C-alpha atoms as a PDB file:
ATOM      1  CA  UNK A   1      15.924  18.705  10.693  1.00  0.00           C
ATOM      2  CA  UNK A   2      15.134  15.486   9.623  1.00  0.00           C
ATOM      3  CA  UNK A   3      18.051  13.477   9.586  1.00  0.00           C
ATOM      4  CA  UNK A   4      18.416   9.572   8.169  1.00  0.00           C
ATOM      5  CA  UNK A   5      21.499   7.962   8.513  1.00  0.00           C
ATOM      6  CA  UNK A   6      22.206   4.387   7.472  1.00  0.00           C
ATOM      7  CA  UNK A   7      24.845   2.002   8.024  1.00  0.00           C
ATOM      8  CA  UNK A   8      25.907  -1.792   8.152  1.00  0.00           C
ATOM      9  CA  UNK A   9      26.352  -2.287   3.983  1.00  0.00           C
ATOM     10  CA  UNK A  10      29.274  -4.041   3.007  1.00  0.00           C
ATOM     11  CA  UNK A  11      30.329  -6.508   0.529  1.00  0.00           C
ATOM     12  CA  UNK A  12      28.929 -10.812   1.523  1.00  0.00           C
ATOM     13  CA  UNK A  13      28.807 -13.789  -0.458  1.00  0.00           C
ATOM     14  CA  UNK A  14      25.900 -15.313  -2.145  1.00  0.00           C
ATOM     15  CA  UNK A  15      24.107 -17.235   0.674  1.00  0.00           C
ATOM     16  CA  UNK A  16      25.026 -14.720   3.483  1.00  0.00           C
ATOM     17  CA  UNK A  17      23.731 -12.026   5.450  1.00  0.00           C
ATOM     18  CA  UNK A  18      23.537  -8.272   6.540  1.00  0.00           C
ATOM     19  CA  UNK A  19      21.728  -6.113   8.803  1.00  0.00           C
ATOM     20  CA  UNK A  20      20.948  -2.517   7.822  1.00  0.00           C
ATOM     21  CA  UNK A  21      20.433   0.250  10.562  1.00  0.00           C
ATOM     22  CA  UNK A  22      19.016   3.497   9.646  1.00  0.00           C
ATOM     23  CA  UNK A  23      19.163   6.176  12.575  1.00  0.00           C
ATOM     24  CA  UNK A  24      16.535   9.180  12.742  1.00  0.00           C
ATOM     25  CA  UNK A  25      16.750  12.292  14.139  1.00  0.00           C
ATOM     26  CA  UNK A  26      14.897  15.848  13.893  1.00  0.00           C
ATOM     27  CA  UNK A  27      11.591  14.595  14.055  1.00  0.00           C
ATOM     28  CA  UNK A  28       9.168  12.552  16.127  1.00  0.00           C
ATOM     29  CA  UNK A  29      10.518   9.092  14.979  1.00  0.00           C
ATOM     30  CA  UNK A  30       7.266   6.972  16.250  1.00  0.00           C
ATOM     31  CA  UNK A  31       5.107   9.019  14.317  1.00  0.00           C
ATOM     32  CA  UNK A  32       6.218   7.741  11.302  1.00  0.00           C
ATOM     33  CA  UNK A  33       6.364   4.958   8.522  1.00  0.00           C
ATOM     34  CA  UNK A  34       9.639   3.911   7.789  1.00  0.00           C
ATOM     35  CA  UNK A  35      10.878   1.992   4.390  1.00  0.00           C
ATOM     36  CA  UNK A  36      13.899   0.641   2.861  1.00  0.00           C
ATOM     37  CA  UNK A  37      14.599   0.999  -0.789  1.00  0.00           C
ATOM     38  CA  UNK A  38      17.469   0.197  -3.031  1.00  0.00           C
ATOM     39  CA  UNK A  39      18.716   1.278  -6.294  1.00  0.00           C
ATOM     40  CA  UNK A  40      21.012  -1.055  -8.723  1.00  0.00           C
ATOM     41  CA  UNK A  41      23.291   0.694 -11.449  1.00  0.00           C
ATOM     42  CA  UNK A  42      21.321   1.438 -14.344  1.00  0.00           C
ATOM     43  CA  UNK A  43      17.683   0.891 -12.874  1.00  0.00           C
ATOM     44  CA  UNK A  44      15.455   2.445 -11.105  1.00  0.00           C
ATOM     45  CA  UNK A  45      14.953   3.096  -7.470  1.00  0.00           C
ATOM     46  CA  UNK A  46      12.742   0.342  -5.869  1.00  0.00           C
ATOM     47  CA  UNK A  47      10.480  -0.594  -2.985  1.00  0.00           C
ATOM     48  CA  UNK A  48      11.984  -3.321  -0.220  1.00  0.00           C
ATOM     49  CA  UNK A  49      10.088  -3.246   3.019  1.00  0.00           C
ATOM     50  CA  UNK A  50       8.372  -0.867   4.823  1.00  0.00           C
ATOM     51  CA  UNK A  51       6.899  -0.901   8.261  1.00  0.00           C
ATOM     52  CA  UNK A  52       4.083   1.427   9.913  1.00  0.00           C
ATOM     53  CA  UNK A  53       4.729   3.898  12.752  1.00  0.00           C
ATOM     54  CA  UNK A  54       3.367   1.904  15.215  1.00  0.00           C
ATOM     55  CA  UNK A  55       5.547  -1.328  14.229  1.00  0.00           C
ATOM     56  CA  UNK A  56       2.235  -3.633  13.590  1.00  0.00           C
ATOM     57  CA  UNK A  57       2.204  -3.971   9.688  1.00  0.00           C
ATOM     58  CA  UNK A  58       5.104  -4.480   7.195  1.00  0.00           C
ATOM     59  CA  UNK A  59       5.206  -4.808   3.581  1.00  0.00           C
ATOM     60  CA  UNK A  60       7.563  -6.307   1.242  1.00  0.00           C
ATOM     61  CA  UNK A  61       8.425  -6.601  -2.236  1.00  0.00           C
ATOM     62  CA  UNK A  62       7.698  -9.748  -3.693  1.00  0.00           C
ATOM     63  CA  UNK A  63      11.354 -10.519  -4.715  1.00  0.00           C
ATOM     64  CA  UNK A  64      12.791 -10.364  -0.903  1.00  0.00           C
ATOM     65  CA  UNK A  65      10.153 -11.867   0.788  1.00  0.00           C
ATOM     66  CA  UNK A  66      11.026 -14.798   2.877  1.00  0.00           C
ATOM     67  CA  UNK A  67      14.699 -13.509   3.172  1.00  0.00           C
ATOM     68  CA  UNK A  68      14.319  -9.692   4.783  1.00  0.00           C
ATOM     69  CA  UNK A  69      13.245  -8.465   7.909  1.00  0.00           C
ATOM     70  CA  UNK A  70      12.027  -5.082   8.624  1.00  0.00           C
ATOM     71  CA  UNK A  71      11.536  -4.118  12.433  1.00  0.00           C
ATOM     72  CA  UNK A  72      12.177  -0.924  14.304  1.00  0.00           C
ATOM     73  CA  UNK A  73      13.532  -0.010  17.701  1.00  0.00           C
ATOM     74  CA  UNK A  74      11.565   2.988  19.116  1.00  0.00           C
ATOM     75  CA  UNK A  75      13.554   3.943  21.762  1.00  0.00           C
ATOM     76  CA  UNK A  76      16.552   3.899  19.556  1.00  0.00           C
ATOM     77  CA  UNK A  77      14.879   5.498  16.803  1.00  0.00           C
ATOM     78  CA  UNK A  78      16.531   3.039  14.718  1.00  0.00           C
ATOM     79  CA  UNK A  79      14.718   0.502  11.570  1.00  0.00           C
ATOM     80  CA  UNK A  80      16.595  -2.329  10.646  1.00  0.00           C
ATOM     81  CA  UNK A  81      16.666  -4.476   8.001  1.00  0.00           C
ATOM     82  CA  UNK A  82      17.629  -8.140   8.422  1.00  0.00           C
ATOM     83  CA  UNK A  83      18.792  -9.175   4.936  1.00  0.00           C
ATOM     84  CA  UNK A  84      19.307 -13.371   4.682  1.00  0.00           C
ATOM     85  CA  UNK A  85      19.848 -15.843   2.266  1.00  0.00           C
ATOM     86  CA  UNK A  86      21.442 -12.436  -0.487  1.00  0.00           C
ATOM     87  CA  UNK A  87      21.427 -13.279  -3.691  1.00  0.00           C
ATOM     88  CA  UNK A  88      23.969 -11.601  -6.335  1.00  0.00           C
ATOM     89  CA  UNK A  89      20.718  -9.747  -7.910  1.00  0.00           C
ATOM     90  CA  UNK A  90      20.732  -8.038  -4.307  1.00  0.00           C
ATOM     91  CA  UNK A  91      23.491  -5.718  -4.820  1.00  0.00           C
ATOM     92  CA  UNK A  92      22.594  -2.207  -4.857  1.00  0.00           C
ATOM     93  CA  UNK A  93      22.748   0.930  -2.408  1.00  0.00           C
ATOM     94  CA  UNK A  94      20.090   0.910  -0.037  1.00  0.00           C
ATOM     95  CA  UNK A  95      18.311   3.983   1.019  1.00  0.00           C
ATOM     96  CA  UNK A  96      15.926   4.336   4.363  1.00  0.00           C
ATOM     97  CA  UNK A  97      13.028   6.416   4.033  1.00  0.00           C
ATOM     98  CA  UNK A  98      10.722   8.126   6.225  1.00  0.00           C
ATOM     99  CA  UNK A  99       7.000   8.644   5.290  1.00  0.00           C
ATOM    100  CA  UNK A 100       5.946  12.523   4.409  1.00  0.00           C
ATOM    101  CA  UNK A 101       2.967  12.216   6.655  1.00  0.00           C
ATOM    102  CA  UNK A 102       2.676  11.066  10.138  1.00  0.00           C
ATOM    103  CA  UNK A 103       0.446   8.450  11.758  1.00  0.00           C
ATOM    104  CA  UNK A 104      -1.361   6.862   8.281  1.00  0.00           C
ATOM    105  CA  UNK A 105      -1.784   4.000   6.709  1.00  0.00           C
ATOM    106  CA  UNK A 106       1.474   2.090   5.301  1.00  0.00           C
ATOM    107  CA  UNK A 107       2.881   3.109   1.922  1.00  0.00           C
ATOM    108  CA  UNK A 108       5.043   1.507  -0.442  1.00  0.00           C
ATOM    109  CA  UNK A 109       5.540   4.396  -3.107  1.00  0.00           C
ATOM    110  CA  UNK A 110       8.638   5.954  -3.382  1.00  0.00           C
ATOM    111  CA  UNK A 111       6.655   9.589  -3.590  1.00  0.00           C
ATOM    112  CA  UNK A 112       4.858   9.116  -0.483  1.00  0.00           C
ATOM    113  CA  UNK A 113       8.045   9.052   1.373  1.00  0.00           C
ATOM    114  CA  UNK A 114       9.799  12.969   1.800  1.00  0.00           C
ATOM    115  CA  UNK A 115      13.159  12.049   3.531  1.00  0.00           C
ATOM    116  CA  UNK A 116      15.951  10.154   2.369  1.00  0.00           C
ATOM    117  CA  UNK A 117      19.275   8.830   3.947  1.00  0.00           C
ATOM    118  CA  UNK A 118      22.204   8.912   1.952  1.00  0.00           C
ATOM    119  CA  UNK A 119      22.366   5.397   1.245  1.00  0.00           C
ATOM    120  CA  UNK A 120      24.527   2.586   2.022  1.00  0.00           C
ATOM    121  CA  UNK A 121      26.315   0.157  -0.391  1.00  0.00           C
ATOM    122  CA  UNK A 122      25.298  -3.527  -0.430  1.00  0.00           C
ATOM    123  CA  UNK A 123      27.399  -5.684  -3.058  1.00  0.00           C
ATOM    124  CA  UNK A 124      26.723  -9.709  -2.610  1.00  0.00           C
ATOM    125  CA  UNK A 125      29.154 -11.787  -4.651  1.00  0.00           C
ATOM    126  CA  UNK A 126      28.297 -14.481  -6.438  1.00  0.00           C
END
């Protein structure tokens, strides 16, 4: 079955960097758009970044543009989220997700993603 496993979260000071990784298995990784979402305590889950199945298109939430970068490595079945210039408001559980449908245009809505990882905690101290 499809599995997504995130890693790389942790505690970092404001202005610092982290790189999240998400390894996929149980499907043909390179056929699917991949996304990162986050959820802070007491808030709704929100879109962070997404990358198309071929890696040619990316999309970012306005709040992270210029600070975060999403990428993928098909040979490793892995999608990454490089997070720089972190702010306390970036504190959340970060989730990796796989599109429900293969080989389609990039989507950013959470309901377009059918498989989710368990999440990794990112905490940014001020």
